[in-house]
Protein backbone atom coordinates (compact mmCIF):
# COMPACT_ATOMS: atom_id res chain seq x y z
CA MET A 1 0.00 0.00 0.00
CA ARG A 2 1.25 3.46 -0.92
CA LYS A 3 2.39 5.51 2.06
CA ILE A 4 0.33 8.65 2.64
CA PHE A 5 2.47 11.78 2.75
CA VAL A 6 0.97 13.88 5.58
CA LEU A 7 1.90 17.54 5.88
CA ILE A 8 0.68 20.32 8.13
CA GLU A 9 0.82 24.08 7.63
CA ALA A 10 4.07 24.53 9.56
CA ASP A 11 5.85 22.11 7.20
CA PHE A 12 5.52 24.65 4.38
CA ILE A 13 7.45 27.47 6.08
CA LEU A 14 10.82 28.03 4.42
CA GLU A 15 13.59 28.59 6.97
CA ASN A 16 17.37 28.92 6.93
CA TYR A 17 17.65 29.93 3.30
CA ASN A 18 20.17 32.16 1.53
CA SER A 19 18.70 33.98 -1.46
CA ASN A 20 22.06 35.66 -2.13
CA SER A 21 23.04 32.52 -4.01
CA ILE A 22 20.59 33.52 -6.76
CA LYS A 23 21.29 36.60 -8.87
CA SER A 24 18.67 36.16 -11.58
CA GLY A 25 16.70 33.58 -13.47
CA ASN A 26 13.39 32.64 -14.99
CA ALA A 27 10.93 29.77 -14.84
CA THR A 28 8.10 28.90 -17.22
CA TRP A 29 5.23 26.57 -16.33
CA LYS A 30 2.32 25.36 -18.43
CA THR A 31 -0.50 24.72 -16.01
CA PRO A 32 -3.96 23.36 -16.86
CA SER A 33 -7.36 24.44 -15.73
CA ASN A 34 -9.62 21.88 -14.08
CA ILE A 35 -13.30 21.09 -14.00
CA ALA A 36 -14.92 20.07 -10.73
CA LEU A 37 -17.19 17.04 -10.75
CA VAL A 38 -18.22 17.65 -7.14
CA LYS A 39 -18.24 21.43 -6.69
CA TYR A 40 -16.61 23.67 -4.10
CA TRP A 41 -18.71 26.78 -3.42
CA GLY A 42 -18.18 28.43 -0.07
CA LYS A 43 -14.97 28.95 1.89
CA ARG A 44 -13.57 30.30 5.12
CA ASP A 45 -10.27 32.04 5.89
CA PRO A 46 -7.59 31.41 4.86
CA GLN A 47 -8.97 30.00 1.60
CA LEU A 48 -10.23 26.78 3.19
CA PRO A 49 -13.14 24.90 1.59
CA GLU A 50 -16.44 24.32 3.36
CA ASN A 51 -16.72 20.95 1.59
CA ALA A 52 -14.47 18.55 -0.28
CA SER A 53 -14.40 18.62 -4.08
CA VAL A 54 -13.24 16.29 -6.87
CA SER A 55 -12.03 17.48 -10.25
CA PHE A 56 -10.75 16.31 -13.60
CA THR A 57 -7.52 18.02 -14.58
CA LEU A 58 -7.76 19.36 -18.13
CA ASP A 59 -5.15 19.48 -20.88
CA ALA A 60 -5.87 21.91 -23.74
CA CYS A 61 -7.15 24.69 -21.44
CA PHE A 62 -3.98 26.00 -19.82
CA THR A 63 -2.08 29.06 -18.68
CA LEU A 64 1.54 29.56 -19.73
CA THR A 65 3.40 31.73 -17.24
CA THR A 66 7.00 32.92 -17.19
CA LEU A 67 8.38 34.43 -13.99
CA LYS A 68 11.57 36.45 -14.47
CA TYR A 69 13.43 37.40 -11.33
CA THR A 70 16.50 39.48 -10.47
CA LYS A 71 18.08 40.04 -7.05
CA ARG A 72 17.28 43.37 -5.45
CA HIS A 73 19.98 45.42 -3.81
CA SER A 74 17.69 46.51 -0.98
CA LYS A 75 14.17 45.70 0.17
CA LEU A 76 11.45 48.31 -0.07
CA ASN A 77 9.72 49.05 3.20
CA SER A 78 6.13 47.97 3.79
CA GLU A 79 4.81 51.48 3.05
CA SER A 80 6.18 51.44 -0.50
CA HIS A 81 4.47 50.62 -3.80
CA ASN A 82 2.85 47.17 -3.99
CA GLY A 83 3.30 46.60 -0.27
CA GLY A 84 7.05 46.16 -0.59
CA TYR A 85 6.87 43.71 -3.50
CA ASN A 86 8.39 44.82 -6.77
CA PHE A 87 6.65 43.22 -9.74
CA GLU A 88 5.16 43.94 -13.14
CA VAL A 89 2.43 41.88 -14.80
CA TYR A 90 1.92 41.26 -18.50
CA PHE A 91 -1.04 39.30 -19.82
CA GLU A 92 -1.00 38.23 -23.45
CA GLY A 93 1.67 40.82 -24.18
CA LYS A 94 0.02 43.80 -22.48
CA LYS A 95 0.86 45.34 -19.13
CA LYS A 96 -2.03 44.67 -16.72
CA GLU A 97 -2.12 47.07 -13.80
CA ASP A 98 -5.57 45.77 -12.83
CA PHE A 99 -4.08 42.31 -12.13
CA LYS A 100 -1.69 43.71 -9.53
CA PRO A 101 -4.02 43.95 -6.50
CA LYS A 102 -4.92 40.24 -6.66
CA ILE A 103 -1.27 39.24 -7.00
CA GLU A 104 -0.25 41.55 -4.15
CA THR A 105 -2.91 39.92 -1.96
CA PHE A 106 -1.52 36.53 -2.98
CA PHE A 107 2.03 37.60 -2.12
CA LYS A 108 0.92 38.82 1.31
CA ARG A 109 -0.74 35.48 2.03
CA VAL A 110 2.23 33.36 0.98
CA GLU A 111 5.17 35.47 2.18
CA GLN A 112 5.39 33.67 5.54
CA TYR A 113 5.93 30.42 3.61
CA ILE A 114 8.27 31.80 0.93
CA PRO A 115 9.91 34.80 2.66
CA PHE A 116 12.23 35.53 -0.28
CA LEU A 117 9.48 37.45 -2.15
CA LYS A 118 10.92 40.87 -1.26
CA ASP A 119 14.44 39.77 -2.20
CA PHE A 120 13.68 39.91 -5.94
CA ASN A 121 12.28 42.06 -8.70
CA PHE A 122 9.69 40.07 -10.67
CA ILE A 123 8.26 40.25 -14.15
CA ILE A 124 5.22 38.00 -14.63
CA GLU A 125 4.30 37.18 -18.24
CA SER A 126 1.22 35.08 -18.79
CA ARG A 127 -1.21 33.95 -21.47
CA ASN A 128 -4.21 31.62 -21.66
CA SER A 129 -5.24 29.14 -24.30
CA PHE A 130 -8.87 30.06 -23.54
CA PRO A 131 -10.91 33.23 -22.83
CA HIS A 132 -10.05 34.87 -19.51
CA SER A 133 -12.80 35.23 -16.84
CA SER A 134 -15.40 33.35 -18.89
CA GLY A 135 -15.94 30.49 -16.45
CA ILE A 136 -13.15 28.09 -17.41
CA ALA A 137 -11.29 28.54 -14.12
CA SER A 138 -8.67 30.97 -15.42
CA SER A 139 -7.72 31.90 -11.85
CA ALA A 140 -7.08 28.21 -11.15
CA SER A 141 -4.58 27.76 -13.97
CA GLY A 142 -3.13 31.26 -13.55
CA MET A 143 -2.49 31.13 -9.82
CA SER A 144 -1.20 27.56 -9.92
CA ALA A 145 1.24 28.53 -12.66
CA LEU A 146 2.55 31.45 -10.59
CA ALA A 147 2.83 29.23 -7.50
CA LEU A 148 4.85 26.68 -9.47
CA CYS A 149 7.18 29.40 -10.77
CA LEU A 150 7.79 30.56 -7.20
CA MET A 151 8.43 26.98 -6.15
CA SER A 152 11.08 26.75 -8.87
CA ILE A 153 12.94 29.49 -7.02
CA GLU A 154 12.58 27.66 -3.71
CA LYS A 155 13.85 24.50 -5.42
CA GLU A 156 17.04 26.41 -6.24
CA LEU A 157 17.39 27.23 -2.55
CA ASN A 158 16.78 23.61 -1.54
CA LEU A 159 18.10 21.20 -4.16
CA LYS A 160 17.21 18.19 -1.97
CA MET A 161 13.49 18.97 -2.14
CA THR A 162 11.43 15.95 -3.23
CA ASP A 163 8.97 16.14 -6.12
CA GLU A 164 6.16 15.17 -3.74
CA TYR A 165 6.91 18.03 -1.37
CA PHE A 166 7.33 20.40 -4.33
CA ASN A 167 3.87 19.53 -5.67
CA LYS A 168 2.13 19.66 -2.31
CA LYS A 169 3.63 23.02 -1.40
CA ALA A 170 2.82 24.37 -4.87
CA SER A 171 -0.78 23.26 -4.34
CA PHE A 172 -0.76 24.80 -0.85
CA LEU A 173 0.49 28.14 -2.18
CA ALA A 174 -1.83 28.10 -5.20
CA ARG A 175 -4.82 27.63 -2.86
CA LEU A 176 -3.97 30.93 -1.18
CA GLY A 177 -4.33 32.67 -4.54
CA SER A 178 -7.44 30.86 -5.76
CA GLY A 179 -9.02 27.91 -4.02
CA SER A 180 -9.53 25.79 -7.13
CA ALA A 181 -5.93 26.49 -8.21
CA CYS A 182 -4.75 23.83 -5.76
CA ARG A 183 -6.42 21.25 -8.02
CA SER A 184 -4.36 22.25 -11.11
CA ILE A 185 -0.91 21.03 -10.07
CA GLU A 186 -1.33 17.32 -10.81
CA GLY A 187 -3.76 15.02 -12.63
CA GLU A 188 -5.81 13.16 -13.61
CA LEU A 189 -8.32 13.24 -10.74
CA ILE A 190 -7.75 15.55 -7.79
CA VAL A 191 -9.45 15.74 -4.39
CA TRP A 192 -9.31 18.93 -2.34
CA GLY A 193 -10.78 19.13 1.14
CA SER A 194 -10.56 16.85 4.13
CA HIS A 195 -12.92 13.91 3.70
CA LYS A 196 -13.38 10.80 5.81
CA ASP A 197 -13.51 8.48 2.79
CA ILE A 198 -10.44 9.84 0.96
CA LYS A 199 -7.14 8.86 2.54
CA GLY A 200 -4.63 11.71 2.72
CA SER A 201 -7.19 14.38 1.80
CA SER A 202 -6.58 17.82 3.23
CA ASN A 203 -8.08 21.30 3.32
CA LEU A 204 -4.57 22.67 2.79
CA PHE A 205 -3.82 21.25 -0.67
CA GLY A 206 -5.14 18.98 -3.38
CA ILE A 207 -4.12 15.34 -3.68
CA LYS A 208 -4.29 12.81 -6.48
CA TYR A 209 -7.32 10.58 -6.09
CA PRO A 210 -5.75 7.71 -4.11
CA ASN A 211 -7.85 4.75 -5.29
CA LYS A 212 -7.81 2.74 -8.50
CA VAL A 213 -9.89 4.32 -11.27
CA HIS A 214 -12.02 2.16 -13.57
CA ASP A 215 -11.04 2.06 -17.25
CA ASN A 216 -14.35 3.75 -18.14
CA PHE A 217 -12.95 7.01 -16.78
CA LYS A 218 -9.54 6.85 -18.45
CA ASN A 219 -8.95 9.36 -21.27
CA TYR A 220 -12.28 11.04 -20.54
CA HIS A 221 -13.21 13.90 -22.88
CA ASP A 222 -14.39 17.40 -22.02
CA THR A 223 -15.63 19.57 -24.88
CA ILE A 224 -16.30 23.11 -23.70
CA LEU A 225 -19.03 25.04 -25.48
CA LEU A 226 -18.28 28.76 -25.24
CA VAL A 227 -21.77 30.15 -24.83
CA ASP A 228 -20.45 33.47 -23.54
CA GLU A 229 -16.81 34.48 -23.85
CA GLY A 230 -17.27 37.73 -21.95
CA GLU A 231 -16.35 38.42 -18.35
CA LYS A 232 -18.79 37.14 -15.73
CA GLN A 233 -21.17 39.68 -14.17
CA VAL A 234 -20.46 38.25 -10.70
CA SER A 235 -17.00 36.94 -9.84
CA SER A 236 -16.42 33.64 -8.08
CA THR A 237 -14.87 35.54 -5.16
CA VAL A 238 -18.14 37.44 -4.62
CA GLY A 239 -20.18 34.26 -5.11
CA HIS A 240 -18.22 32.38 -2.45
CA LYS A 241 -18.80 35.20 0.06
CA LEU A 242 -22.55 35.01 -0.50
CA MET A 243 -22.51 31.47 0.93
CA HIS A 244 -21.73 32.81 4.43
CA LYS A 245 -25.37 33.61 5.24
CA HIS A 246 -26.98 31.48 2.58
CA PRO A 247 -30.14 29.77 3.90
CA PHE A 248 -29.21 26.46 2.24
CA ALA A 249 -25.44 26.52 2.86
CA ALA A 250 -25.21 23.80 5.54
CA GLN A 251 -27.32 21.36 3.53
CA ARG A 252 -25.34 22.12 0.38
CA PHE A 253 -22.02 21.36 2.10
CA LYS A 254 -23.44 18.08 3.38
CA GLN A 255 -24.76 17.21 -0.08
CA ALA A 256 -21.34 17.82 -1.63
CA ASN A 257 -19.48 15.71 0.93
CA ASP A 258 -22.03 12.90 0.51
CA ASN A 259 -21.50 13.11 -3.25
CA VAL A 260 -17.73 12.80 -2.81
CA SER A 261 -18.32 9.46 -1.09
CA LYS A 262 -20.70 8.31 -3.83
CA LEU A 263 -18.42 9.49 -6.63
CA SER A 264 -15.43 7.73 -5.09
CA GLU A 265 -17.27 4.42 -5.35
CA ILE A 266 -18.42 5.21 -8.90
CA LEU A 267 -14.88 6.03 -10.04
CA GLN A 268 -13.82 2.58 -8.85
CA ASN A 269 -16.78 0.53 -10.15
CA GLY A 270 -17.17 2.32 -13.50
CA GLU A 271 -20.93 2.96 -13.28
CA LEU A 272 -21.37 5.63 -15.96
CA LYS A 273 -25.08 6.28 -15.39
CA GLN A 274 -24.45 6.95 -11.71
CA PHE A 275 -21.54 9.21 -12.68
CA ILE A 276 -23.89 11.22 -14.90
CA ALA A 277 -26.46 11.60 -12.10
CA ILE A 278 -23.89 12.92 -9.61
CA VAL A 279 -22.11 15.26 -12.03
CA GLU A 280 -25.23 16.88 -13.47
CA SER A 281 -26.84 17.23 -10.04
CA GLU A 282 -23.69 18.94 -8.76
CA ALA A 283 -23.66 21.39 -11.66
CA LEU A 284 -27.28 22.38 -11.12
CA SER A 285 -26.82 22.56 -7.33
CA LEU A 286 -23.96 25.01 -7.81
CA HIS A 287 -26.12 27.33 -9.88
CA ALA A 288 -29.07 26.86 -7.54
CA MET A 289 -26.91 28.35 -4.78
CA MET A 290 -26.27 31.40 -6.96
CA MET A 291 -29.96 31.83 -7.76
CA THR A 292 -30.99 31.58 -4.09
CA SER A 293 -28.28 33.76 -2.53
CA ASN A 294 -28.88 37.32 -1.32
CA PRO A 295 -28.42 39.14 -3.62
CA TYR A 296 -29.31 36.46 -6.16
CA PHE A 297 -27.73 36.19 -9.60
CA ILE A 298 -27.79 33.97 -12.67
CA LEU A 299 -24.68 33.12 -14.67
CA MET A 300 -26.37 30.72 -17.08
CA LYS A 301 -27.59 32.14 -20.40
CA PRO A 302 -30.61 31.06 -22.48
CA ASN A 303 -28.29 29.05 -24.74
CA THR A 304 -26.88 27.25 -21.71
CA LEU A 305 -30.32 25.81 -21.03
CA LYS A 306 -30.92 25.00 -24.69
CA ILE A 307 -27.69 22.97 -24.76
CA ILE A 308 -28.62 21.10 -21.57
CA ASN A 309 -32.00 20.15 -22.98
CA LYS A 310 -30.42 19.02 -26.25
CA ILE A 311 -28.03 16.80 -24.29
CA TRP A 312 -30.89 15.25 -22.34
CA GLU A 313 -32.82 14.58 -25.57
CA PHE A 314 -29.78 13.03 -27.25
CA ARG A 315 -29.03 10.82 -24.26
CA ALA A 316 -32.61 9.60 -24.05
CA SER A 317 -32.73 8.70 -27.74
CA THR A 318 -29.28 7.07 -28.03
CA ASN A 319 -28.50 5.80 -24.49
CA SER A 320 -25.20 7.68 -24.78
CA ASN A 321 -23.15 8.36 -21.66
CA ILE A 322 -22.75 12.02 -22.53
CA CYS A 323 -23.36 14.46 -19.67
CA PHE A 324 -22.80 18.10 -18.86
CA THR A 325 -21.32 20.08 -16.05
CA LEU A 326 -21.01 23.80 -15.45
CA ASP A 327 -18.41 25.91 -13.75
CA ALA A 328 -19.21 29.35 -12.37
CA GLY A 329 -20.27 30.69 -15.76
CA ALA A 330 -22.48 30.19 -18.79
CA ASN A 331 -20.24 27.79 -20.70
CA VAL A 332 -21.11 24.10 -20.84
CA HIS A 333 -18.58 21.32 -20.28
CA ILE A 334 -19.65 18.17 -22.13
CA LEU A 335 -18.14 15.06 -20.59
CA PHE A 336 -18.05 11.69 -22.33
CA PRO A 337 -15.95 8.51 -22.41
CA GLU A 338 -13.27 7.85 -25.02
CA ILE A 339 -15.27 5.03 -26.63
CA GLU A 340 -18.09 7.43 -27.58
CA LYS A 341 -15.95 10.26 -28.99
CA GLU A 342 -16.97 9.88 -32.64
CA GLU A 343 -20.71 9.75 -31.97
CA VAL A 344 -20.65 12.59 -29.46
CA ASN A 345 -18.38 14.80 -31.56
CA ASN A 346 -20.79 14.44 -34.48
CA PHE A 347 -23.66 15.45 -32.20
CA ILE A 348 -21.74 18.47 -30.92
CA THR A 349 -20.85 19.78 -34.38
CA SER A 350 -24.26 19.14 -35.90
CA GLU A 351 -26.54 20.15 -33.02
CA LEU A 352 -24.76 22.18 -30.35
CA ILE A 353 -22.19 24.61 -31.71
CA GLN A 354 -24.98 26.78 -33.08
CA TYR A 355 -25.60 27.83 -29.48
CA CYS A 356 -21.97 28.93 -28.96
CA GLN A 357 -20.73 32.48 -29.36
CA GLU A 358 -19.41 32.63 -32.93
CA ASN A 359 -19.53 28.79 -32.98
CA HIS A 360 -16.53 28.67 -30.64
CA TYR A 361 -15.79 25.54 -28.65
CA ILE A 362 -12.73 23.79 -27.22
CA CYS A 363 -12.02 20.07 -27.51
CA ASP A 364 -10.29 19.02 -24.32
CA ARG A 365 -9.68 15.85 -22.35
CA VAL A 366 -8.36 14.79 -18.99
CA GLY A 367 -4.69 15.69 -18.54
CA ILE A 368 -1.81 14.75 -16.29
CA GLY A 369 -1.11 18.12 -14.68
CA ALA A 370 1.34 21.01 -14.90
CA LYS A 371 4.53 20.83 -16.97
CA LEU A 372 7.81 22.67 -16.48
CA VAL A 373 8.63 24.30 -19.82
CA SER A 374 11.94 25.94 -18.89
CA ASN A 375 13.94 26.81 -15.79
CA ASN A 376 17.06 28.93 -16.20
């Protein structure tokens, strides 16, 4: 039996380091987004989930981030620009001043664990393979990529660091930037949140699903229909906060944790119809929380509902194992097993892309996690 690698918060504090050994460098990571099968919606400080979640790591939907760093001659004091951190941000080739506050907040949260942040000048260059802020978890791939770049610096300071520790601390740091980002470090199935039925699970970081997965769920496909490529009217950060006094919050958290237990069994026994029932229920429960919060809001669009109904009709007439899920947005993730790819792809192109903005969609599948592109 595989030994469970247990870590607590104090294990992630970097001590006794010498950043003077590093003058300059850069690291580039390609980090995927992920799609939750059991949803996380609601958190408490510091970025801890109210319920466990399970996600597929994606492949084609990714963020590519390069972090360039040079040693500073002196630290700025805490009253200075950017709270003492010296960094510039470029997204898809353009300087993005509006990204700075979120990154500064991230740096403040993680500095106690990676105290070398004020020792360097940083240039962050990033791009997505998918539309930003459209509900494909861009903060998940973006923050996990930045966390991995920072861990590449720490790796230089501690060459004996194991890959397992590297990944867990990267997930831990990424969580402090965006909760779902902790699920984008590894693949193919990730569990985040302490759960009695998942050995090694933690609120502090994501872990690879520890049990054997049935062949039915290997090489699973996720085609993302881009119903609305614009920015969401209500951010996920705001949506999570609205769960604090939500009248159905406690029952929702229980439902999600119960579904983690059910899904764990399904992933092992390969029951596709049960998988569909859990995944679609979770997607609709997520949006039900949005529609019943105070203030209430709706992120689905009319074409989102048209696609869902088309999927239900197709499944009823063909007995296909196609199903949908939704993230915090209008776009529809269509999940289906490898063996049905030809039939489902024909259905998507003939019946569904008409409901997409400018017929845009992304063919994706389950991936293996983040990849180091370069480290100099």
